[in-house]
PDB file of N, CA and C in Angstrom:
ATOM      1  N   MET A   1     -18.119  -3.757  14.697  1.00  0.00           N
ATOM      2  CA  MET A   1     -16.775  -3.988  15.127  1.00  0.00           C
ATOM      3  C   MET A   1     -15.787  -3.638  14.030  1.00  0.00           C
ATOM      4  N   ALA A   2     -14.763  -2.859  14.369  1.00  0.00           N
ATOM      5  CA  ALA A   2     -13.675  -2.377  13.502  1.00  0.00           C
ATOM      6  C   ALA A   2     -12.849  -3.564  13.111  1.00  0.00           C
ATOM      7  N   ARG A   3     -12.284  -3.454  11.866  1.00  0.00           N
ATOM      8  CA  ARG A   3     -11.399  -4.497  11.408  1.00  0.00           C
ATOM      9  C   ARG A   3     -10.021  -4.201  11.987  1.00  0.00           C
ATOM     10  N   LYS A   4      -9.368  -5.316  12.346  1.00  0.00           N
ATOM     11  CA  LYS A   4      -8.028  -5.263  12.870  1.00  0.00           C
ATOM     12  C   LYS A   4      -7.025  -4.873  11.786  1.00  0.00           C
ATOM     13  N   LEU A   5      -6.134  -3.992  12.033  1.00  0.00           N
ATOM     14  CA  LEU A   5      -5.167  -3.638  11.022  1.00  0.00           C
ATOM     15  C   LEU A   5      -3.795  -4.333  11.372  1.00  0.00           C
ATOM     16  N   CYS A   6      -3.036  -4.471  10.361  1.00  0.00           N
ATOM     17  CA  CYS A   6      -1.725  -5.124  10.443  1.00  0.00           C
ATOM     18  C   CYS A   6      -0.836  -4.400  11.461  1.00  0.00           C
ATOM     19  N   THR A   7      -0.157  -5.058  12.320  1.00  0.00           N
ATOM     20  CA  THR A   7       0.786  -4.409  13.335  1.00  0.00           C
ATOM     21  C   THR A   7       1.983  -3.839  12.672  1.00  0.00           C
ATOM     22  N   TYR A   8       2.325  -4.344  11.489  1.00  0.00           N
ATOM     23  CA  TYR A   8       3.591  -3.864  10.863  1.00  0.00           C
ATOM     24  C   TYR A   8       3.366  -2.528  10.049  1.00  0.00           C
ATOM     25  N   CYS A   9       2.423  -2.621   9.105  1.00  0.00           N
ATOM     26  CA  CYS A   9       2.188  -1.524   8.210  1.00  0.00           C
ATOM     27  C   CYS A   9       1.148  -0.532   8.705  1.00  0.00           C
ATOM     28  N   THR A  10       0.210  -1.022   9.524  1.00  0.00           N
ATOM     29  CA  THR A  10      -0.901  -0.279  10.095  1.00  0.00           C
ATOM     30  C   THR A  10      -1.818   0.284   8.993  1.00  0.00           C
ATOM     31  N   PHE A  11      -1.696  -0.207   7.792  1.00  0.00           N
ATOM     32  CA  PHE A  11      -2.602   0.319   6.680  1.00  0.00           C
ATOM     33  C   PHE A  11      -3.644  -0.799   6.320  1.00  0.00           C
ATOM     34  N   ARG A  12      -3.192  -2.017   6.154  1.00  0.00           N
ATOM     35  CA  ARG A  12      -4.053  -3.099   5.548  1.00  0.00           C
ATOM     36  C   ARG A  12      -4.673  -3.881   6.702  1.00  0.00           C
ATOM     37  N   PRO A  13      -5.827  -4.434   6.327  1.00  0.00           N
ATOM     38  CA  PRO A  13      -6.531  -5.313   7.341  1.00  0.00           C
ATOM     39  C   PRO A  13      -5.816  -6.606   7.556  1.00  0.00           C
ATOM     40  N   VAL A  14      -5.935  -7.230   8.719  1.00  0.00           N
ATOM     41  CA  VAL A  14      -5.289  -8.440   9.019  1.00  0.00           C
ATOM     42  C   VAL A  14      -5.918  -9.520   8.182  1.00  0.00           C
ATOM     43  N   SER A  15      -5.065 -10.431   7.630  1.00  0.00           N
ATOM     44  CA  SER A  15      -5.602 -11.573   6.824  1.00  0.00           C
ATOM     45  C   SER A  15      -6.065 -12.694   7.734  1.00  0.00           C
ATOM     46  N   SER A  16      -7.330 -13.096   7.418  1.00  0.00           N
ATOM     47  CA  SER A  16      -7.875 -14.244   8.232  1.00  0.00           C
ATOM     48  C   SER A  16      -7.286 -15.551   7.818  1.00  0.00           C
ATOM     49  N   ASP A  17      -6.627 -15.619   6.689  1.00  0.00           N
ATOM     50  CA  ASP A  17      -6.090 -16.896   6.149  1.00  0.00           C
ATOM     51  C   ASP A  17      -4.766 -17.287   6.847  1.00  0.00           C
ATOM     52  N   LEU A  18      -4.109 -16.311   7.481  1.00  0.00           N
ATOM     53  CA  LEU A  18      -2.827 -16.563   8.065  1.00  0.00           C
ATOM     54  C   LEU A  18      -2.941 -16.904   9.562  1.00  0.00           C
ATOM     55  N   LEU A  19      -2.178 -17.793  10.010  1.00  0.00           N
ATOM     56  CA  LEU A  19      -2.171 -18.167  11.373  1.00  0.00           C
ATOM     57  C   LEU A  19      -1.083 -17.439  12.123  1.00  0.00           C
ATOM     58  N   GLU A  20      -0.361 -16.486  11.567  1.00  0.00           N
ATOM     59  CA  GLU A  20       0.723 -15.759  12.144  1.00  0.00           C
ATOM     60  C   GLU A  20       0.377 -14.668  13.068  1.00  0.00           C
ATOM     61  N   GLY A  21      -0.934 -14.350  13.212  1.00  0.00           N
ATOM     62  CA  GLY A  21      -1.252 -13.296  14.124  1.00  0.00           C
ATOM     63  C   GLY A  21      -1.773 -12.050  13.435  1.00  0.00           C
ATOM     64  N   ASN A  22      -1.393 -10.915  13.914  1.00  0.00           N
ATOM     65  CA  ASN A  22      -1.869  -9.667  13.386  1.00  0.00           C
ATOM     66  C   ASN A  22      -1.052  -9.153  12.252  1.00  0.00           C
ATOM     67  N   ILE A  23      -1.114  -9.763  11.151  1.00  0.00           N
ATOM     68  CA  ILE A  23      -0.229  -9.327   9.986  1.00  0.00           C
ATOM     69  C   ILE A  23      -1.129  -9.429   8.702  1.00  0.00           C
ATOM     70  N   CYS A  24      -0.854  -8.538   7.801  1.00  0.00           N
ATOM     71  CA  CYS A  24      -1.628  -8.537   6.551  1.00  0.00           C
ATOM     72  C   CYS A  24      -0.850  -9.535   5.574  1.00  0.00           C
ATOM     73  N   GLU A  25      -1.487  -9.872   4.454  1.00  0.00           N
ATOM     74  CA  GLU A  25      -0.882 -10.778   3.513  1.00  0.00           C
ATOM     75  C   GLU A  25       0.271 -10.179   2.813  1.00  0.00           C
ATOM     76  N   ALA A  26       0.245  -8.867   2.504  1.00  0.00           N
ATOM     77  CA  ALA A  26       1.371  -8.210   1.866  1.00  0.00           C
ATOM     78  C   ALA A  26       2.661  -8.252   2.723  1.00  0.00           C
ATOM     79  N   CYS A  27       2.508  -7.909   3.985  1.00  0.00           N
ATOM     80  CA  CYS A  27       3.687  -7.830   4.917  1.00  0.00           C
ATOM     81  C   CYS A  27       4.169  -9.286   5.145  1.00  0.00           C
ATOM     82  N   TYR A  28       3.244 -10.264   5.279  1.00  0.00           N
ATOM     83  CA  TYR A  28       3.691 -11.663   5.401  1.00  0.00           C
ATOM     84  C   TYR A  28       4.473 -12.152   4.228  1.00  0.00           C
ATOM     85  N   ASP A  29       3.991 -11.864   3.009  1.00  0.00           N
ATOM     86  CA  ASP A  29       4.805 -12.339   1.813  1.00  0.00           C
ATOM     87  C   ASP A  29       6.129 -11.663   1.752  1.00  0.00           C
ATOM     88  N   TYR A  30       6.162 -10.308   2.047  1.00  0.00           N
ATOM     89  CA  TYR A  30       7.415  -9.593   1.970  1.00  0.00           C
ATOM     90  C   TYR A  30       8.438 -10.127   2.941  1.00  0.00           C
ATOM     91  N   GLN A  31       7.950 -10.350   4.206  1.00  0.00           N
ATOM     92  CA  GLN A  31       8.859 -10.831   5.219  1.00  0.00           C
ATOM     93  C   GLN A  31       9.394 -12.256   4.836  1.00  0.00           C
ATOM     94  N   GLY A  32       8.567 -13.075   4.136  1.00  0.00           N
ATOM     95  CA  GLY A  32       9.071 -14.367   3.698  1.00  0.00           C
ATOM     96  C   GLY A  32      10.175 -14.158   2.725  1.00  0.00           C
ATOM     97  N   HIS A  33      10.013 -13.266   1.750  1.00  0.00           N
ATOM     98  CA  HIS A  33      11.035 -12.986   0.746  1.00  0.00           C
ATOM     99  C   HIS A  33      12.336 -12.375   1.451  1.00  0.00           C
ATOM    100  N   GLU A  34      12.046 -11.527   2.446  1.00  0.00           N
ATOM    101  CA  GLU A  34      13.153 -10.934   3.153  1.00  0.00           C
ATOM    102  C   GLU A  34      13.990 -12.036   3.904  1.00  0.00           C
ATOM    103  N   ASN A  35      13.319 -13.005   4.518  1.00  0.00           N
ATOM    104  CA  ASN A  35      14.051 -14.148   5.121  1.00  0.00           C
ATOM    105  C   ASN A  35      14.839 -14.954   4.158  1.00  0.00           C
ATOM    106  N   THR A  36      14.245 -15.234   3.084  1.00  0.00           N
ATOM    107  CA  THR A  36      14.961 -16.018   2.012  1.00  0.00           C
ATOM    108  C   THR A  36      16.182 -15.198   1.509  1.00  0.00           C
ATOM    109  N   HIS A  37      16.039 -13.931   1.324  1.00  0.00           N
ATOM    110  CA  HIS A  37      17.117 -13.063   0.831  1.00  0.00           C
ATOM    111  C   HIS A  37      18.261 -13.071   1.845  1.00  0.00           C
ATOM    112  N   SER A  38      17.976 -13.020   3.145  1.00  0.00           N
ATOM    113  CA  SER A  38      19.032 -13.089   4.196  1.00  0.00           C
ATOM    114  C   SER A  38      19.582 -14.406   4.313  1.00  0.00           C
ATOM    115  N   ASP A  39      18.811 -15.520   4.258  1.00  0.00           N
ATOM    116  CA  ASP A  39      19.249 -16.853   4.492  1.00  0.00           C
ATOM    117  C   ASP A  39      20.227 -17.287   3.324  1.00  0.00           C
ATOM    118  N   GLU A  40      19.941 -16.814   2.109  1.00  0.00           N
ATOM    119  CA  GLU A  40      20.799 -17.263   0.931  1.00  0.00           C
ATOM    120  C   GLU A  40      21.923 -16.250   0.658  1.00  0.00           C
ATOM    121  N   SER A  41      22.177 -15.300   1.576  1.00  0.00           N
ATOM    122  CA  SER A  41      23.299 -14.440   1.537  1.00  0.00           C
ATOM    123  C   SER A  41      23.368 -13.666   0.242  1.00  0.00           C
ATOM    124  N   HIS A  42      22.268 -13.020  -0.179  1.00  0.00           N
ATOM    125  CA  HIS A  42      22.269 -12.308  -1.521  1.00  0.00           C
ATOM    126  C   HIS A  42      23.087 -10.998  -1.422  1.00  0.00           C
ATOM    127  N   GLU A  43      23.304 -10.478  -0.170  1.00  0.00           N
ATOM    128  CA  GLU A  43      24.109  -9.251  -0.051  1.00  0.00           C
ATOM    129  C   GLU A  43      25.554  -9.550  -0.410  1.00  0.00           C
ATOM    130  N   THR A  44      26.094 -10.707  -0.043  1.00  0.00           N
ATOM    131  CA  THR A  44      27.428 -11.027  -0.256  1.00  0.00           C
ATOM    132  C   THR A  44      27.727 -11.775  -1.629  1.00  0.00           C
ATOM    133  N   GLU A  45      26.715 -12.457  -2.048  1.00  0.00           N
ATOM    134  CA  GLU A  45      26.874 -13.232  -3.328  1.00  0.00           C
ATOM    135  C   GLU A  45      26.477 -12.467  -4.595  1.00  0.00           C
ATOM    136  N   GLY A  46      25.769 -11.366  -4.416  1.00  0.00           N
ATOM    137  CA  GLY A  46      25.324 -10.553  -5.496  1.00  0.00           C
ATOM    138  C   GLY A  46      23.806 -10.711  -5.693  1.00  0.00           C
ATOM    139  N   ALA A  47      23.204  -9.773  -6.469  1.00  0.00           N
ATOM    140  CA  ALA A  47      21.805  -9.782  -6.659  1.00  0.00           C
ATOM    141  C   ALA A  47      21.326 -11.006  -7.452  1.00  0.00           C
ATOM    142  N   GLN A  48      20.193 -11.578  -7.140  1.00  0.00           N
ATOM    143  CA  GLN A  48      19.620 -12.665  -7.776  1.00  0.00           C
ATOM    144  C   GLN A  48      18.410 -12.160  -8.615  1.00  0.00           C
ATOM    145  N   ASP A  49      18.156 -12.777  -9.757  1.00  0.00           N
ATOM    146  CA  ASP A  49      17.153 -12.288 -10.698  1.00  0.00           C
ATOM    147  C   ASP A  49      15.746 -12.652 -10.149  1.00  0.00           C
ATOM    148  N   ASP A  50      15.646 -13.755  -9.421  1.00  0.00           N
ATOM    149  CA  ASP A  50      14.335 -14.220  -8.896  1.00  0.00           C
ATOM    150  C   ASP A  50      13.977 -13.679  -7.470  1.00  0.00           C
ATOM    151  N   CYS A  51      14.811 -12.828  -6.967  1.00  0.00           N
ATOM    152  CA  CYS A  51      14.591 -12.351  -5.535  1.00  0.00           C
ATOM    153  C   CYS A  51      13.941 -10.970  -5.645  1.00  0.00           C
ATOM    154  N   LEU A  52      12.760 -10.827  -4.978  1.00  0.00           N
ATOM    155  CA  LEU A  52      12.105  -9.524  -5.018  1.00  0.00           C
ATOM    156  C   LEU A  52      12.910  -8.418  -4.272  1.00  0.00           C
ATOM    157  N   ILE A  53      13.540  -8.860  -3.230  1.00  0.00           N
ATOM    158  CA  ILE A  53      14.309  -7.879  -2.406  1.00  0.00           C
ATOM    159  C   ILE A  53      15.486  -7.356  -3.203  1.00  0.00           C
ATOM    160  N   CYS A  54      16.183  -8.283  -3.947  1.00  0.00           N
ATOM    161  CA  CYS A  54      17.383  -7.865  -4.748  1.00  0.00           C
ATOM    162  C   CYS A  54      16.945  -6.996  -5.845  1.00  0.00           C
ATOM    163  N   GLN A  55      15.664  -7.134  -6.416  1.00  0.00           N
ATOM    164  CA  GLN A  55      15.209  -6.380  -7.530  1.00  0.00           C
ATOM    165  C   GLN A  55      14.536  -5.022  -7.058  1.00  0.00           C
ATOM    166  N   GLY A  56      14.497  -4.755  -5.771  1.00  0.00           N
ATOM    167  CA  GLY A  56      14.083  -3.489  -5.260  1.00  0.00           C
ATOM    168  C   GLY A  56      12.621  -3.380  -5.031  1.00  0.00           C
ATOM    169  N   ALA A  57      11.947  -4.464  -4.668  1.00  0.00           N
ATOM    170  CA  ALA A  57      10.549  -4.452  -4.379  1.00  0.00           C
ATOM    171  C   ALA A  57      10.264  -3.518  -3.206  1.00  0.00           C
ATOM    172  N   PRO A  58       9.211  -2.687  -3.252  1.00  0.00           N
ATOM    173  CA  PRO A  58       9.001  -1.797  -2.094  1.00  0.00           C
ATOM    174  C   PRO A  58       8.517  -2.529  -0.891  1.00  0.00           C
ATOM    175  N   ASP A  59       8.954  -2.110   0.324  1.00  0.00           N
ATOM    176  CA  ASP A  59       8.451  -2.711   1.530  1.00  0.00           C
ATOM    177  C   ASP A  59       7.036  -2.262   1.842  1.00  0.00           C
ATOM    178  N   PRO A  60       6.117  -3.198   1.974  1.00  0.00           N
ATOM    179  CA  PRO A  60       4.733  -2.777   2.225  1.00  0.00           C
ATOM    180  C   PRO A  60       4.523  -2.149   3.600  1.00  0.00           C
ATOM    181  N   GLU A  61       5.534  -2.304   4.473  1.00  0.00           N
ATOM    182  CA  GLU A  61       5.434  -1.701   5.824  1.00  0.00           C
ATOM    183  C   GLU A  61       5.522  -0.190   5.712  1.00  0.00           C
ATOM    184  N   THR A  62       6.249   0.357   4.679  1.00  0.00           N
ATOM    185  CA  THR A  62       6.428   1.791   4.484  1.00  0.00           C
ATOM    186  C   THR A  62       5.681   2.263   3.292  1.00  0.00           C
ATOM    187  N   THR A  63       5.028   1.424   2.518  1.00  0.00           N
ATOM    188  CA  THR A  63       4.397   1.846   1.270  1.00  0.00           C
ATOM    189  C   THR A  63       2.899   1.723   1.440  1.00  0.00           C
ATOM    190  N   PRO A  64       2.082   2.776   1.509  1.00  0.00           N
ATOM    191  CA  PRO A  64       0.660   2.587   1.663  1.00  0.00           C
ATOM    192  C   PRO A  64       0.019   1.941   0.429  1.00  0.00           C
ATOM    193  N   PRO A  65      -1.111   1.272   0.578  1.00  0.00           N
ATOM    194  CA  PRO A  65      -1.709   0.643  -0.536  1.00  0.00           C
ATOM    195  C   PRO A  65      -2.151   1.631  -1.514  1.00  0.00           C
ATOM    196  N   ALA A  66      -2.217   1.275  -2.822  1.00  0.00           N
ATOM    197  CA  ALA A  66      -2.648   2.158  -3.893  1.00  0.00           C
ATOM    198  C   ALA A  66      -4.208   2.450  -3.715  1.00  0.00           C
ATOM    199  N   LYS A  67      -4.647   3.614  -4.019  1.00  0.00           N
ATOM    200  CA  LYS A  67      -6.028   3.884  -3.860  1.00  0.00           C
ATOM    201  C   LYS A  67      -6.668   4.034  -5.273  1.00  0.00           C
ATOM    202  N   GLY A  68      -7.925   3.857  -5.385  1.00  0.00           N
ATOM    203  CA  GLY A  68      -8.669   3.976  -6.580  1.00  0.00           C
ATOM    204  C   GLY A  68      -9.101   2.666  -7.084  1.00  0.00           C
ATOM    205  N   HIS A  69      -9.696   2.663  -8.254  1.00  0.00           N
ATOM    206  CA  HIS A  69     -10.242   1.464  -8.793  1.00  0.00           C
ATOM    207  C   HIS A  69      -9.072   0.680  -9.416  1.00  0.00           C
ATOM    208  N   SER A  70      -9.285  -0.587  -9.608  1.00  0.00           N
ATOM    209  CA  SER A  70      -8.222  -1.459 -10.072  1.00  0.00           C
ATOM    210  C   SER A  70      -8.605  -2.199 -11.382  1.00  0.00           C
ATOM    211  N   ASN A  71      -9.624  -1.643 -12.096  1.00  0.00           N
ATOM    212  CA  ASN A  71      -9.982  -2.323 -13.290  1.00  0.00           C
ATOM    213  C   ASN A  71      -9.084  -2.013 -14.494  1.00  0.00           C
ATOM    214  N   GLY A  72      -8.202  -1.021 -14.330  1.00  0.00           N
ATOM    215  CA  GLY A  72      -7.201  -0.711 -15.368  1.00  0.00           C
ATOM    216  C   GLY A  72      -7.724  -0.028 -16.548  1.00  0.00           C
ATOM    217  N   ILE A  73      -8.984   0.345 -16.655  1.00  0.00           N
ATOM    218  CA  ILE A  73      -9.594   1.013 -17.781  1.00  0.00           C
ATOM    219  C   ILE A  73      -9.414   2.481 -17.608  1.00  0.00           C
ATOM    220  N   ALA A  74      -8.821   3.265 -18.393  1.00  0.00           N
ATOM    221  CA  ALA A  74      -8.677   4.666 -18.261  1.00  0.00           C
ATOM    222  C   ALA A  74     -10.014   5.318 -18.630  1.00  0.00           C
ATOM    223  N   LYS A  75     -10.446   6.235 -17.802  1.00  0.00           N
ATOM    224  CA  LYS A  75     -11.665   6.968 -18.071  1.00  0.00           C
ATOM    225  C   LYS A  75     -11.334   8.295 -18.529  1.00  0.00           C
ATOM    226  N   SER A  76     -11.968   8.777 -19.676  1.00  0.00           N
ATOM    227  CA  SER A  76     -11.707  10.079 -20.204  1.00  0.00           C
ATOM    228  C   SER A  76     -12.991  10.970 -19.835  1.00  0.00           C
ATOM    229  N   HIS A  77     -12.814  12.032 -19.244  1.00  0.00           N
ATOM    230  CA  HIS A  77     -13.903  12.978 -18.911  1.00  0.00           C
ATOM    231  C   HIS A  77     -13.706  14.227 -19.733  1.00  0.00           C
ATOM    232  N   THR A  78     -14.157  14.193 -20.981  1.00  0.00           N
ATOM    233  CA  THR A  78     -13.982  15.311 -21.801  1.00  0.00           C
ATOM    234  C   THR A  78     -15.292  16.084 -21.992  1.00  0.00           C
ATOM    235  N   SER A  79     -15.212  17.311 -22.206  1.00  0.00           N
ATOM    236  CA  SER A  79     -16.335  18.236 -22.359  1.00  0.00           C
ATOM    237  C   SER A  79     -16.930  18.157 -23.811  1.00  0.00           C
ATOM    238  N   HIS A  80     -18.184  18.288 -23.837  1.00  0.00           N
ATOM    239  CA  HIS A  80     -18.818  18.319 -25.220  1.00  0.00           C
ATOM    240  C   HIS A  80     -19.246  19.751 -25.541  1.00  0.00           C
ATOM    241  N   ALA A  81     -18.718  20.719 -24.815  1.00  0.00           N
ATOM    242  CA  ALA A  81     -19.012  22.149 -24.986  1.00  0.00           C
ATOM    243  C   ALA A  81     -18.688  22.628 -26.419  1.00  0.00           C
ATOM    244  N   ALA A  82     -17.544  22.124 -26.908  1.00  0.00           N
ATOM    245  CA  ALA A  82     -17.035  22.585 -28.204  1.00  0.00           C
ATOM    246  C   ALA A  82     -17.601  21.728 -29.429  1.00  0.00           C
ATOM    247  N   CYS A  83     -18.363  20.684 -29.058  1.00  0.00           N
ATOM    248  CA  CYS A  83     -18.915  19.823 -30.070  1.00  0.00           C
ATOM    249  C   CYS A  83     -20.126  20.512 -30.729  1.00  0.00           C
ATOM    250  N   LYS A  84     -20.348  20.197 -32.033  1.00  0.00           N
ATOM    251  CA  LYS A  84     -21.463  20.794 -32.788  1.00  0.00           C
ATOM    252  C   LYS A  84     -22.717  19.923 -32.778  1.00  0.00           C
ATOM    253  N   HIS A  85     -22.690  18.709 -32.163  1.00  0.00           N
ATOM    254  CA  HIS A  85     -23.803  17.885 -32.219  1.00  0.00           C
ATOM    255  C   HIS A  85     -24.850  18.360 -31.155  1.00  0.00           C
ATOM    256  N   PRO A  86     -26.106  17.868 -31.264  1.00  0.00           N
ATOM    257  CA  PRO A  86     -27.084  18.205 -30.273  1.00  0.00           C
ATOM    258  C   PRO A  86     -26.721  17.685 -28.948  1.00  0.00           C
ATOM    259  N   LYS A  87     -27.165  18.259 -27.898  1.00  0.00           N
ATOM    260  CA  LYS A  87     -26.692  17.986 -26.493  1.00  0.00           C
ATOM    261  C   LYS A  87     -27.582  16.910 -25.818  1.00  0.00           C
ATOM    262  N   THR A  88     -27.936  15.936 -26.576  1.00  0.00           N
ATOM    263  CA  THR A  88     -28.700  14.861 -26.008  1.00  0.00           C
ATOM    264  C   THR A  88     -27.778  13.735 -25.581  1.00  0.00           C
ATOM    265  N   LYS A  89     -28.337  12.896 -24.686  1.00  0.00           N
ATOM    266  CA  LYS A  89     -27.463  11.789 -24.184  1.00  0.00           C
ATOM    267  C   LYS A  89     -26.985  10.867 -25.289  1.00  0.00           C
ATOM    268  N   LYS A  90     -27.944  10.558 -26.192  1.00  0.00           N
ATOM    269  CA  LYS A  90     -27.658   9.650 -27.373  1.00  0.00           C
ATOM    270  C   LYS A  90     -26.530  10.243 -28.228  1.00  0.00           C
ATOM    271  N   ASP A  91     -26.558  11.471 -28.545  1.00  0.00           N
ATOM    272  CA  ASP A  91     -25.556  12.181 -29.356  1.00  0.00           C
ATOM    273  C   ASP A  91     -24.173  12.242 -28.697  1.00  0.00           C
ATOM    274  N   ARG A  92     -24.250  12.504 -27.362  1.00  0.00           N
ATOM    275  CA  ARG A  92     -22.977  12.502 -26.644  1.00  0.00           C
ATOM    276  C   ARG A  92     -22.330  11.148 -26.585  1.00  0.00           C
ATOM    277  N   ALA A  93     -23.145  10.097 -26.512  1.00  0.00           N
ATOM    278  CA  ALA A  93     -22.629   8.688 -26.540  1.00  0.00           C
ATOM    279  C   ALA A  93     -21.988   8.372 -27.893  1.00  0.00           C
ATOM    280  N   ILE A  94     -22.596   8.823 -28.977  1.00  0.00           N
ATOM    281  CA  ILE A  94     -22.091   8.645 -30.278  1.00  0.00           C
ATOM    282  C   ILE A  94     -20.730   9.374 -30.405  1.00  0.00           C
ATOM    283  N   CYS A  95     -20.712  10.582 -29.906  1.00  0.00           N
ATOM    284  CA  CYS A  95     -19.467  11.391 -29.959  1.00  0.00           C
ATOM    285  C   CYS A  95     -18.362  10.739 -29.160  1.00  0.00           C
ATOM    286  N   ARG A  96     -18.601  10.172 -28.038  1.00  0.00           N
ATOM    287  CA  ARG A  96     -17.630   9.502 -27.171  1.00  0.00           C
ATOM    288  C   ARG A  96     -17.073   8.317 -27.882  1.00  0.00           C
ATOM    289  N   LYS A  97     -17.969   7.500 -28.517  1.00  0.00           N
ATOM    290  CA  LYS A  97     -17.505   6.342 -29.270  1.00  0.00           C
ATOM    291  C   LYS A  97     -16.588   6.678 -30.486  1.00  0.00           C
ATOM    292  N   ALA A  98     -16.970   7.809 -31.131  1.00  0.00           N
ATOM    293  CA  ALA A  98     -16.182   8.320 -32.257  1.00  0.00           C
ATOM    294  C   ALA A  98     -14.807   8.706 -31.770  1.00  0.00           C
ATOM    295  N   ARG A  99     -14.705   9.424 -30.594  1.00  0.00           N
ATOM    296  CA  ARG A  99     -13.422   9.862 -30.113  1.00  0.00           C
ATOM    297  C   ARG A  99     -12.572   8.663 -29.685  1.00  0.00           C
ATOM    298  N   ALA A 100     -13.173   7.648 -29.138  1.00  0.00           N
ATOM    299  CA  ALA A 100     -12.479   6.431 -28.702  1.00  0.00           C
ATOM    300  C   ALA A 100     -11.900   5.729 -29.883  1.00  0.00           C
ATOM    301  N   ALA A 101     -12.562   5.757 -30.967  1.00  0.00           N
ATOM    302  CA  ALA A 101     -12.118   5.079 -32.166  1.00  0.00           C
ATOM    303  C   ALA A 101     -10.899   5.716 -32.875  1.00  0.00           C
ATOM    304  N   GLU A 102     -10.755   7.044 -32.615  1.00  0.00           N
ATOM    305  CA  GLU A 102      -9.638   7.737 -33.238  1.00  0.00           C
ATOM    306  C   GLU A 102      -8.265   7.341 -32.738  1.00  0.00           C
TER     307      GLU A 102
END
């Protein structure tokens, strides 16, 4: 059975934690901030520091989710073709550690 997608953004799966229907957590949170933004008249009173809408947070309905891993560790894929060490797995690992230490 396919996962149900959010009716607003059509990108993210529906959150099972929310009782609001076919909506993902990102759209639900953004709509809550949007309601607070409108209810407190931030357009007429000026931007608020603690309001995500005033600070320009992107609307998840029009912003697709980021792709790729989320561990935040940059991976370097460098060639050992120019290296003078033997082409063994052990020597390449030593070379990578030496490069990372620089």
